[in-house]
Amino acid sequence: MAGLIIKQTPSVIFLLVSFWVQVESGSSRPKPITVNITKVTKIVLSCNLTLLTAHKSPITGMWEKDGNKIDKREFDFDQNTSHLFQNYEFDFQNGSDAGNYTCVFDTNPKSEGRFEVQIPPIWTKNINEIRSDGDHINLTCKSDRYTPLYWIWSKEVKGSKVTLNNETGDRYYIHSLGNKSSLLIKSLIMDNTTYYHCDAVYEVGFSGLRIHLKVNSLVAAVIPFVCIVAEVLVLVIFILVCERKMKQKENLAEGEKIPEKLTIDELPDVTENGARHRKVESTSVQEMQN
């Protein structure tokens, strides 16, 4: 088990970053310390390893950038202090110096500390926007705590980036203030469907973001509503047809029962008519005999 200590002292000219982390056998890699750089700066990344169990001397320490070894050395372990200390110093001049830096000690298990050195990232609320033909849209990018020298907006046209400004037609308007910049596009048309880039430019480079805008035609915007109305109409017609069929079945069932009732009710009338008929016949026979 080992303890790893790192201190952070930011400066415009000189930057010393340190941290502390407890390394245990089988534990996951420690969370990196984020270092944001906006100006040309000398950086010293420092790792102080405290060993809590006995280890053989010497112990090898190394530095890696994005998984590649950039510095390697051996340390004679001091049994009295139980500490190992190593630095990595470099000048951050542009974006190529950004990356994931790791100090590694070949203890058992391995002990390491991680730094994420970067130009401050920018962000936006939505990286995918959908609007309809004729709408307006306001694309916005922000940088937390860091104010860039200036902002640049551009759009992709046939694979190339075309810079936008307030003189690029009447439908584009750019407003930048401090750590925030917005691009207003008026009266959208389908040709405005593309990727838009916003870049925050610093002394050491830029941090960029890409936003996709899709503009639908009015017909495309109405299609979902038409589909919903069509589904409702089909459902209503289906219900009406089912009710009509059920009503027809009920009428047929009632029609089959009515003749039976009439036959039974008319039986006395039939008997009475038969008696009358026989009475008339008897009267006629007597008249003939007379």
C-alpha atoms as a PDB file:
ATOM      1  CA  MET A   1       0.000   0.000   0.000  1.00  0.00           C
ATOM      2  CA  ALA A   2       1.325   3.443  -0.864  1.00  0.00           C
ATOM      3  CA  GLY A   3       0.273   7.047  -0.649  1.00  0.00           C
ATOM      4  CA  LEU A   4       0.773   9.480  -3.519  1.00  0.00           C
ATOM      5  CA  ILE A   5       0.831  13.234  -2.775  1.00  0.00           C
ATOM      6  CA  ILE A   6       0.422  16.023  -5.305  1.00  0.00           C
ATOM      7  CA  LYS A   7       0.071  19.780  -4.647  1.00  0.00           C
ATOM      8  CA  GLN A   8      -1.374  22.396  -6.960  1.00  0.00           C
ATOM      9  CA  THR A   9       0.045  25.916  -7.223  1.00  0.00           C
ATOM     10  CA  PRO A  10      -1.161  27.652 -10.405  1.00  0.00           C
ATOM     11  CA  SER A  11       0.843  30.556 -11.824  1.00  0.00           C
ATOM     12  CA  VAL A  12       0.937  32.415 -15.106  1.00  0.00           C
ATOM     13  CA  ILE A  13       4.683  31.870 -15.518  1.00  0.00           C
ATOM     14  CA  PHE A  14       5.286  28.755 -13.470  1.00  0.00           C
ATOM     15  CA  LEU A  15       2.829  26.029 -12.603  1.00  0.00           C
ATOM     16  CA  LEU A  16       3.409  23.321 -10.006  1.00  0.00           C
ATOM     17  CA  VAL A  17       0.698  20.676  -9.809  1.00  0.00           C
ATOM     18  CA  SER A  18       0.610  18.090  -7.022  1.00  0.00           C
ATOM     19  CA  PHE A  19      -1.918  15.602  -5.696  1.00  0.00           C
ATOM     20  CA  TRP A  20      -2.336  12.872  -3.129  1.00  0.00           C
ATOM     21  CA  VAL A  21      -3.860   9.485  -3.717  1.00  0.00           C
ATOM     22  CA  GLN A  22      -3.910   6.245  -1.712  1.00  0.00           C
ATOM     23  CA  VAL A  23      -2.882   3.273  -3.860  1.00  0.00           C
ATOM     24  CA  GLU A  24      -4.068  -0.187  -2.812  1.00  0.00           C
ATOM     25  CA  SER A  25      -3.547  -3.605  -4.324  1.00  0.00           C
ATOM     26  CA  GLY A  26      -6.083  -4.341  -7.025  1.00  0.00           C
ATOM     27  CA  SER A  27      -7.583  -0.829  -6.913  1.00  0.00           C
ATOM     28  CA  SER A  28      -8.673   0.978 -10.075  1.00  0.00           C
ATOM     29  CA  ARG A  29      -6.632   3.758 -11.650  1.00  0.00           C
ATOM     30  CA  PRO A  30      -6.917   7.070  -9.757  1.00  0.00           C
ATOM     31  CA  LYS A  31      -9.024   9.884 -11.158  1.00  0.00           C
ATOM     32  CA  PRO A  32      -6.799  12.344 -13.068  1.00  0.00           C
ATOM     33  CA  ILE A  33      -6.128  15.880 -11.899  1.00  0.00           C
ATOM     34  CA  THR A  34      -7.245  18.340 -14.598  1.00  0.00           C
ATOM     35  CA  VAL A  35      -4.834  21.153 -15.483  1.00  0.00           C
ATOM     36  CA  ASN A  36      -6.219  23.873 -17.798  1.00  0.00           C
ATOM     37  CA  ILE A  37      -3.654  26.001 -19.652  1.00  0.00           C
ATOM     38  CA  THR A  38      -4.470  29.149 -21.651  1.00  0.00           C
ATOM     39  CA  LYS A  39      -1.021  30.840 -21.847  1.00  0.00           C
ATOM     40  CA  VAL A  40       2.527  29.730 -22.540  1.00  0.00           C
ATOM     41  CA  THR A  41       3.495  28.176 -19.204  1.00  0.00           C
ATOM     42  CA  LYS A  42       6.294  26.165 -17.612  1.00  0.00           C
ATOM     43  CA  ILE A  43       4.707  23.160 -15.933  1.00  0.00           C
ATOM     44  CA  VAL A  44       6.157  20.916 -13.239  1.00  0.00           C
ATOM     45  CA  LEU A  45       4.176  17.765 -12.540  1.00  0.00           C
ATOM     46  CA  SER A  46       5.189  16.339  -9.184  1.00  0.00           C
ATOM     47  CA  CYS A  47       4.532  12.941  -7.561  1.00  0.00           C
ATOM     48  CA  ASN A  48       5.455  12.031  -3.984  1.00  0.00           C
ATOM     49  CA  LEU A  49       5.120   8.325  -3.218  1.00  0.00           C
ATOM     50  CA  THR A  50       4.809   7.180   0.387  1.00  0.00           C
ATOM     51  CA  LEU A  51       5.440   3.440   0.853  1.00  0.00           C
ATOM     52  CA  LEU A  52       3.568   1.797   3.706  1.00  0.00           C
ATOM     53  CA  THR A  53       5.070  -1.678   3.251  1.00  0.00           C
ATOM     54  CA  ALA A  54       8.617  -2.952   2.682  1.00  0.00           C
ATOM     55  CA  HIS A  55       9.924  -2.900  -0.911  1.00  0.00           C
ATOM     56  CA  LYS A  56      13.174  -3.913  -2.486  1.00  0.00           C
ATOM     57  CA  SER A  57      15.545  -1.180  -3.678  1.00  0.00           C
ATOM     58  CA  PRO A  58      15.984   0.243  -6.247  1.00  0.00           C
ATOM     59  CA  ILE A  59      12.494   1.160  -7.457  1.00  0.00           C
ATOM     60  CA  THR A  60      11.976   2.316 -11.027  1.00  0.00           C
ATOM     61  CA  GLY A  61       9.882   5.368 -11.765  1.00  0.00           C
ATOM     62  CA  MET A  62       8.767   6.661 -15.158  1.00  0.00           C
ATOM     63  CA  TRP A  63       6.542   9.215 -16.855  1.00  0.00           C
ATOM     64  CA  GLU A  64       4.123   8.491 -19.670  1.00  0.00           C
ATOM     65  CA  LYS A  65       2.181  10.731 -22.037  1.00  0.00           C
ATOM     66  CA  ASP A  66      -0.908   9.193 -23.629  1.00  0.00           C
ATOM     67  CA  GLY A  67       0.493   5.751 -22.805  1.00  0.00           C
ATOM     68  CA  ASN A  68       3.946   6.376 -24.312  1.00  0.00           C
ATOM     69  CA  LYS A  69       7.094   6.479 -22.133  1.00  0.00           C
ATOM     70  CA  ILE A  70       8.730   9.909 -22.046  1.00  0.00           C
ATOM     71  CA  ASP A  71      11.089   9.643 -19.029  1.00  0.00           C
ATOM     72  CA  LYS A  72      12.524   6.735 -16.967  1.00  0.00           C
ATOM     73  CA  ARG A  73      14.814   6.640 -13.929  1.00  0.00           C
ATOM     74  CA  GLU A  74      15.761   4.474 -10.922  1.00  0.00           C
ATOM     75  CA  PHE A  75      15.436   5.497  -7.251  1.00  0.00           C
ATOM     76  CA  ASP A  76      17.361   4.192  -4.249  1.00  0.00           C
ATOM     77  CA  PHE A  77      14.668   3.573  -1.685  1.00  0.00           C
ATOM     78  CA  ASP A  78      15.360   5.227   1.693  1.00  0.00           C
ATOM     79  CA  GLN A  79      14.197   2.863   4.424  1.00  0.00           C
ATOM     80  CA  ASN A  80      14.216   5.703   6.942  1.00  0.00           C
ATOM     81  CA  THR A  81      11.868   8.092   5.147  1.00  0.00           C
ATOM     82  CA  SER A  82       9.747   5.657   3.059  1.00  0.00           C
ATOM     83  CA  HIS A  83       9.309   8.391   0.421  1.00  0.00           C
ATOM     84  CA  LEU A  84      10.034   8.570  -3.296  1.00  0.00           C
ATOM     85  CA  PHE A  85       9.721  11.812  -5.226  1.00  0.00           C
ATOM     86  CA  GLN A  86       9.800  12.489  -8.967  1.00  0.00           C
ATOM     87  CA  ASN A  87       9.040  15.507 -11.177  1.00  0.00           C
ATOM     88  CA  TYR A  88       8.431  16.044 -14.859  1.00  0.00           C
ATOM     89  CA  GLU A  89       9.031  19.539 -16.221  1.00  0.00           C
ATOM     90  CA  PHE A  90       8.093  20.875 -19.652  1.00  0.00           C
ATOM     91  CA  ASP A  91       6.964  24.040 -21.431  1.00  0.00           C
ATOM     92  CA  PHE A  92       3.349  24.148 -22.544  1.00  0.00           C
ATOM     93  CA  GLN A  93       3.473  26.178 -25.769  1.00  0.00           C
ATOM     94  CA  ASN A  94       0.634  24.853 -27.943  1.00  0.00           C
ATOM     95  CA  GLY A  95      -2.031  22.195 -28.237  1.00  0.00           C
ATOM     96  CA  SER A  96       0.506  19.459 -29.057  1.00  0.00           C
ATOM     97  CA  ASP A  97       1.715  19.629 -25.434  1.00  0.00           C
ATOM     98  CA  ALA A  98      -1.745  18.715 -24.135  1.00  0.00           C
ATOM     99  CA  GLY A  99      -2.418  15.129 -23.129  1.00  0.00           C
ATOM    100  CA  ASN A 100      -2.696  12.583 -20.324  1.00  0.00           C
ATOM    101  CA  TYR A 101       0.474  12.494 -18.213  1.00  0.00           C
ATOM    102  CA  THR A 102       1.096   9.637 -15.756  1.00  0.00           C
ATOM    103  CA  CYS A 103       3.804   9.109 -13.145  1.00  0.00           C
ATOM    104  CA  VAL A 104       4.422   5.398 -12.546  1.00  0.00           C
ATOM    105  CA  PHE A 105       6.345   3.539  -9.808  1.00  0.00           C
ATOM    106  CA  ASP A 106       7.032  -0.195 -10.312  1.00  0.00           C
ATOM    107  CA  THR A 107       5.893  -1.160  -6.829  1.00  0.00           C
ATOM    108  CA  ASN A 108       3.760  -4.239  -6.234  1.00  0.00           C
ATOM    109  CA  PRO A 109       1.032  -3.398  -6.982  1.00  0.00           C
ATOM    110  CA  LYS A 110       1.959  -0.586  -9.362  1.00  0.00           C
ATOM    111  CA  SER A 111       1.562   2.971  -8.006  1.00  0.00           C
ATOM    112  CA  GLU A 112       0.672   5.849 -10.295  1.00  0.00           C
ATOM    113  CA  GLY A 113      -0.713   9.372 -10.426  1.00  0.00           C
ATOM    114  CA  ARG A 114      -2.449  10.935 -13.434  1.00  0.00           C
ATOM    115  CA  PHE A 115      -2.717  14.471 -14.871  1.00  0.00           C
ATOM    116  CA  GLU A 116      -4.940  15.657 -17.694  1.00  0.00           C
ATOM    117  CA  VAL A 117      -3.230  18.730 -19.181  1.00  0.00           C
ATOM    118  CA  GLN A 118      -5.476  20.539 -21.653  1.00  0.00           C
ATOM    119  CA  ILE A 119      -6.705  23.772 -23.192  1.00  0.00           C
ATOM    120  CA  PRO A 120      -9.997  24.565 -21.391  1.00  0.00           C
ATOM    121  CA  PRO A 121     -12.891  22.826 -23.178  1.00  0.00           C
ATOM    122  CA  ILE A 122     -16.030  24.662 -24.266  1.00  0.00           C
ATOM    123  CA  TRP A 123     -19.586  23.357 -24.140  1.00  0.00           C
ATOM    124  CA  THR A 124     -23.090  23.936 -25.468  1.00  0.00           C
ATOM    125  CA  LYS A 125     -26.559  22.877 -24.355  1.00  0.00           C
ATOM    126  CA  ASN A 126     -27.375  20.857 -27.483  1.00  0.00           C
ATOM    127  CA  ILE A 127     -24.965  19.562 -30.112  1.00  0.00           C
ATOM    128  CA  ASN A 128     -27.907  18.555 -32.341  1.00  0.00           C
ATOM    129  CA  GLU A 129     -30.556  21.114 -33.272  1.00  0.00           C
ATOM    130  CA  ILE A 130     -33.702  20.603 -35.400  1.00  0.00           C
ATOM    131  CA  ARG A 131     -35.754  23.492 -36.763  1.00  0.00           C
ATOM    132  CA  SER A 132     -38.318  24.136 -39.504  1.00  0.00           C
ATOM    133  CA  ASP A 133     -38.088  26.220 -42.629  1.00  0.00           C
ATOM    134  CA  GLY A 134     -38.488  29.924 -41.777  1.00  0.00           C
ATOM    135  CA  ASP A 135     -37.553  29.603 -38.071  1.00  0.00           C
ATOM    136  CA  HIS A 136     -34.776  31.475 -36.236  1.00  0.00           C
ATOM    137  CA  ILE A 137     -32.105  29.746 -34.133  1.00  0.00           C
ATOM    138  CA  ASN A 138     -29.464  30.909 -31.672  1.00  0.00           C
ATOM    139  CA  LEU A 139     -26.413  28.609 -31.346  1.00  0.00           C
ATOM    140  CA  THR A 140     -24.402  29.263 -28.169  1.00  0.00           C
ATOM    141  CA  CYS A 141     -20.979  28.153 -26.879  1.00  0.00           C
ATOM    142  CA  LYS A 142     -19.508  28.773 -23.412  1.00  0.00           C
ATOM    143  CA  SER A 143     -16.193  28.380 -21.602  1.00  0.00           C
ATOM    144  CA  ASP A 144     -16.284  27.944 -17.822  1.00  0.00           C
ATOM    145  CA  ARG A 145     -14.112  30.462 -15.892  1.00  0.00           C
ATOM    146  CA  TYR A 146     -11.723  31.068 -18.807  1.00  0.00           C
ATOM    147  CA  THR A 147     -12.102  33.998 -21.206  1.00  0.00           C
ATOM    148  CA  PRO A 148     -10.615  33.393 -24.658  1.00  0.00           C
ATOM    149  CA  LEU A 149      -8.856  36.058 -26.690  1.00  0.00           C
ATOM    150  CA  TYR A 150     -11.645  35.844 -29.266  1.00  0.00           C
ATOM    151  CA  TRP A 151     -14.243  33.494 -30.773  1.00  0.00           C
ATOM    152  CA  ILE A 152     -14.499  32.113 -34.311  1.00  0.00           C
ATOM    153  CA  TRP A 153     -17.670  30.706 -35.935  1.00  0.00           C
ATOM    154  CA  SER A 154     -17.656  28.695 -39.155  1.00  0.00           C
ATOM    155  CA  LYS A 155     -19.791  26.193 -41.054  1.00  0.00           C
ATOM    156  CA  GLU A 156     -19.035  23.153 -43.183  1.00  0.00           C
ATOM    157  CA  VAL A 157     -19.619  23.536 -46.920  1.00  0.00           C
ATOM    158  CA  LYS A 158     -18.777  20.505 -49.081  1.00  0.00           C
ATOM    159  CA  GLY A 159     -16.209  19.274 -46.556  1.00  0.00           C
ATOM    160  CA  SER A 160     -14.522  22.653 -46.015  1.00  0.00           C
ATOM    161  CA  LYS A 161     -14.938  25.187 -43.203  1.00  0.00           C
ATOM    162  CA  VAL A 162     -16.217  28.627 -44.193  1.00  0.00           C
ATOM    163  CA  THR A 163     -15.692  31.387 -41.610  1.00  0.00           C
ATOM    164  CA  LEU A 164     -18.791  33.356 -40.617  1.00  0.00           C
ATOM    165  CA  ASN A 165     -19.038  36.945 -39.401  1.00  0.00           C
ATOM    166  CA  ASN A 166     -21.607  39.722 -39.168  1.00  0.00           C
ATOM    167  CA  GLU A 167     -20.925  40.615 -42.788  1.00  0.00           C
ATOM    168  CA  THR A 168     -21.751  37.126 -44.090  1.00  0.00           C
ATOM    169  CA  GLY A 169     -25.209  37.883 -45.459  1.00  0.00           C
ATOM    170  CA  ASP A 170     -28.173  39.351 -43.612  1.00  0.00           C
ATOM    171  CA  ARG A 171     -29.186  36.151 -41.857  1.00  0.00           C
ATOM    172  CA  TYR A 172     -26.065  35.671 -39.678  1.00  0.00           C
ATOM    173  CA  TYR A 173     -25.347  37.628 -36.516  1.00  0.00           C
ATOM    174  CA  ILE A 174     -22.513  36.823 -34.050  1.00  0.00           C
ATOM    175  CA  HIS A 175     -22.430  38.190 -30.516  1.00  0.00           C
ATOM    176  CA  SER A 176     -19.462  37.404 -28.239  1.00  0.00           C
ATOM    177  CA  LEU A 177     -18.965  38.617 -24.681  1.00  0.00           C
ATOM    178  CA  GLY A 178     -16.332  37.202 -22.321  1.00  0.00           C
ATOM    179  CA  ASN A 179     -16.619  33.435 -22.011  1.00  0.00           C
ATOM    180  CA  LYS A 180     -19.786  33.186 -24.131  1.00  0.00           C
ATOM    181  CA  SER A 181     -20.491  33.484 -27.851  1.00  0.00           C
ATOM    182  CA  SER A 182     -23.704  33.121 -29.888  1.00  0.00           C
ATOM    183  CA  LEU A 183     -24.518  32.710 -33.568  1.00  0.00           C
ATOM    184  CA  LEU A 184     -28.010  33.858 -34.615  1.00  0.00           C
ATOM    185  CA  ILE A 185     -29.329  32.522 -37.926  1.00  0.00           C
ATOM    186  CA  LYS A 186     -32.523  34.144 -39.193  1.00  0.00           C
ATOM    187  CA  SER A 187     -35.171  32.819 -41.608  1.00  0.00           C
ATOM    188  CA  LEU A 188     -33.754  29.313 -41.886  1.00  0.00           C
ATOM    189  CA  ILE A 189     -33.870  27.463 -45.191  1.00  0.00           C
ATOM    190  CA  MET A 190     -33.079  23.825 -45.910  1.00  0.00           C
ATOM    191  CA  ASP A 191     -29.625  24.802 -47.254  1.00  0.00           C
ATOM    192  CA  ASN A 192     -28.688  25.823 -43.688  1.00  0.00           C
ATOM    193  CA  THR A 193     -28.561  22.129 -42.751  1.00  0.00           C
ATOM    194  CA  THR A 194     -24.899  21.446 -41.920  1.00  0.00           C
ATOM    195  CA  TYR A 195     -22.304  21.381 -39.101  1.00  0.00           C
ATOM    196  CA  TYR A 196     -21.398  24.663 -37.381  1.00  0.00           C
ATOM    197  CA  HIS A 197     -18.108  25.109 -35.507  1.00  0.00           C
ATOM    198  CA  CYS A 198     -17.387  27.483 -32.637  1.00  0.00           C
ATOM    199  CA  ASP A 199     -13.773  27.900 -31.514  1.00  0.00           C
ATOM    200  CA  ALA A 200     -12.466  29.653 -28.395  1.00  0.00           C
ATOM    201  CA  VAL A 201      -8.997  30.950 -29.245  1.00  0.00           C
ATOM    202  CA  TYR A 202      -6.324  31.244 -26.519  1.00  0.00           C
ATOM    203  CA  GLU A 203      -2.640  32.142 -26.584  1.00  0.00           C
ATOM    204  CA  VAL A 204      -1.602  28.465 -26.760  1.00  0.00           C
ATOM    205  CA  GLY A 205      -4.261  27.320 -29.208  1.00  0.00           C
ATOM    206  CA  PHE A 206      -7.989  26.842 -29.480  1.00  0.00           C
ATOM    207  CA  SER A 207     -10.746  24.674 -28.071  1.00  0.00           C
ATOM    208  CA  GLY A 208     -13.485  23.788 -30.525  1.00  0.00           C
ATOM    209  CA  LEU A 209     -16.986  22.377 -30.637  1.00  0.00           C
ATOM    210  CA  ARG A 210     -19.185  21.155 -33.509  1.00  0.00           C
ATOM    211  CA  ILE A 211     -22.969  21.607 -33.602  1.00  0.00           C
ATOM    212  CA  HIS A 212     -25.234  19.922 -36.152  1.00  0.00           C
ATOM    213  CA  LEU A 213     -28.244  21.877 -37.423  1.00  0.00           C
ATOM    214  CA  LYS A 214     -31.010  20.185 -39.413  1.00  0.00           C
ATOM    215  CA  VAL A 215     -33.690  22.302 -41.108  1.00  0.00           C
ATOM    216  CA  ASN A 216     -36.910  20.514 -42.100  1.00  0.00           C
ATOM    217  CA  SER A 217     -39.320  21.744 -44.765  1.00  0.00           C
ATOM    218  CA  LEU A 218     -42.823  22.802 -43.715  1.00  0.00           C
ATOM    219  CA  VAL A 219     -44.211  19.665 -45.346  1.00  0.00           C
ATOM    220  CA  ALA A 220     -41.912  17.518 -43.246  1.00  0.00           C
ATOM    221  CA  ALA A 221     -43.049  19.388 -40.130  1.00  0.00           C
ATOM    222  CA  VAL A 222     -46.726  18.717 -40.941  1.00  0.00           C
ATOM    223  CA  ILE A 223     -46.290  15.029 -41.775  1.00  0.00           C
ATOM    224  CA  PRO A 224     -46.248  13.837 -38.117  1.00  0.00           C
ATOM    225  CA  PHE A 225     -49.509  15.729 -37.425  1.00  0.00           C
ATOM    226  CA  VAL A 226     -51.129  14.273 -40.542  1.00  0.00           C
ATOM    227  CA  CYS A 227     -50.069  10.769 -39.505  1.00  0.00           C
ATOM    228  CA  ILE A 228     -51.626  11.227 -36.067  1.00  0.00           C
ATOM    229  CA  VAL A 229     -54.902  12.485 -37.575  1.00  0.00           C
ATOM    230  CA  ALA A 230     -54.953   9.552 -40.016  1.00  0.00           C
ATOM    231  CA  GLU A 231     -54.439   7.056 -37.188  1.00  0.00           C
ATOM    232  CA  VAL A 232     -57.326   8.615 -35.226  1.00  0.00           C
ATOM    233  CA  LEU A 233     -59.640   8.484 -38.254  1.00  0.00           C
ATOM    234  CA  VAL A 234     -58.803   4.830 -38.911  1.00  0.00           C
ATOM    235  CA  LEU A 235     -59.514   4.016 -35.270  1.00  0.00           C
ATOM    236  CA  VAL A 236     -62.875   5.848 -35.326  1.00  0.00           C
ATOM    237  CA  ILE A 237     -63.937   4.101 -38.562  1.00  0.00           C
ATOM    238  CA  PHE A 238     -62.975   0.731 -37.114  1.00  0.00           C
ATOM    239  CA  ILE A 239     -65.053   1.370 -33.979  1.00  0.00           C
ATOM    240  CA  LEU A 240     -68.088   2.474 -36.046  1.00  0.00           C
ATOM    241  CA  VAL A 241     -67.886  -0.614 -38.284  1.00  0.00           C
ATOM    242  CA  CYS A 242     -67.687  -2.902 -35.259  1.00  0.00           C
ATOM    243  CA  GLU A 243     -70.711  -1.225 -33.633  1.00  0.00           C
ATOM    244  CA  ARG A 244     -72.717  -1.540 -36.863  1.00  0.00           C
ATOM    245  CA  LYS A 245     -71.968  -5.243 -37.188  1.00  0.00           C
ATOM    246  CA  MET A 246     -72.936  -5.854 -33.550  1.00  0.00           C
ATOM    247  CA  LYS A 247     -76.235  -4.008 -34.091  1.00  0.00           C
ATOM    248  CA  GLN A 248     -77.017  -6.082 -37.199  1.00  0.00           C
ATOM    249  CA  LYS A 249     -76.407  -9.298 -35.269  1.00  0.00           C
ATOM    250  CA  GLU A 250     -78.751  -8.136 -32.495  1.00  0.00           C
ATOM    251  CA  ASN A 251     -81.516  -7.338 -35.033  1.00  0.00           C
ATOM    252  CA  LEU A 252     -81.165 -10.749 -36.680  1.00  0.00           C
ATOM    253  CA  ALA A 253     -81.399 -12.487 -33.321  1.00  0.00           C
ATOM    254  CA  GLU A 254     -84.592 -10.597 -32.428  1.00  0.00           C
ATOM    255  CA  GLY A 255     -86.100 -11.414 -35.872  1.00  0.00           C
ATOM    256  CA  GLU A 256     -85.701 -15.158 -35.304  1.00  0.00           C
ATOM    257  CA  LYS A 257     -87.605 -15.063 -31.982  1.00  0.00           C
ATOM    258  CA  ILE A 258     -90.730 -13.070 -33.183  1.00  0.00           C
ATOM    259  CA  PRO A 259     -92.368 -15.806 -35.385  1.00  0.00           C
ATOM    260  CA  GLU A 260     -92.428 -18.287 -32.511  1.00  0.00           C
ATOM    261  CA  LYS A 261     -94.309 -15.868 -30.282  1.00  0.00           C
ATOM    262  CA  LEU A 262     -96.842 -15.018 -33.017  1.00  0.00           C
ATOM    263  CA  THR A 263     -97.654 -18.709 -33.695  1.00  0.00           C
ATOM    264  CA  ILE A 264     -98.372 -19.366 -30.056  1.00  0.00           C
ATOM    265  CA  ASP A 265    -100.493 -16.249 -29.637  1.00  0.00           C
ATOM    266  CA  GLU A 266    -102.514 -16.933 -32.743  1.00  0.00           C
ATOM    267  CA  LEU A 267    -103.409 -20.500 -31.834  1.00  0.00           C
ATOM    268  CA  PRO A 268    -106.768 -19.505 -30.129  1.00  0.00           C
ATOM    269  CA  ASP A 269    -107.729 -17.467 -33.176  1.00  0.00           C
ATOM    270  CA  VAL A 270    -107.054 -20.427 -35.480  1.00  0.00           C
ATOM    271  CA  THR A 271    -109.201 -22.714 -33.300  1.00  0.00           C
ATOM    272  CA  GLU A 272    -111.979 -20.170 -33.201  1.00  0.00           C
ATOM    273  CA  ASN A 273    -111.900 -19.721 -36.971  1.00  0.00           C
ATOM    274  CA  GLY A 274    -112.047 -23.512 -37.431  1.00  0.00           C
ATOM    275  CA  ALA A 275    -115.122 -23.756 -35.194  1.00  0.00           C
ATOM    276  CA  ARG A 276    -116.842 -21.000 -37.094  1.00  0.00           C
ATOM    277  CA  HIS A 277    -116.042 -22.722 -40.353  1.00  0.00           C
ATOM    278  CA  ARG A 278    -117.586 -26.019 -39.158  1.00  0.00           C
ATOM    279  CA  LYS A 279    -120.667 -24.182 -37.919  1.00  0.00           C
ATOM    280  CA  VAL A 280    -121.212 -22.586 -41.309  1.00  0.00           C
ATOM    281  CA  GLU A 281    -120.858 -25.961 -43.010  1.00  0.00           C
ATOM    282  CA  SER A 282    -123.499 -27.558 -40.708  1.00  0.00           C
ATOM    283  CA  THR A 283    -125.962 -24.770 -41.399  1.00  0.00           C
ATOM    284  CA  SER A 284    -125.533 -25.154 -45.162  1.00  0.00           C
ATOM    285  CA  VAL A 285    -126.137 -28.938 -45.034  1.00  0.00           C
ATOM    286  CA  GLN A 286    -129.384 -28.502 -43.045  1.00  0.00           C
ATOM    287  CA  GLU A 287    -130.681 -25.964 -45.530  1.00  0.00           C
ATOM    288  CA  MET A 288    -130.077 -28.347 -48.386  1.00  0.00           C
ATOM    289  CA  GLN A 289    -131.967 -31.150 -46.625  1.00  0.00           C
ATOM    290  CA  ASN A 290    -134.944 -28.946 -46.117  1.00  0.00           C
END
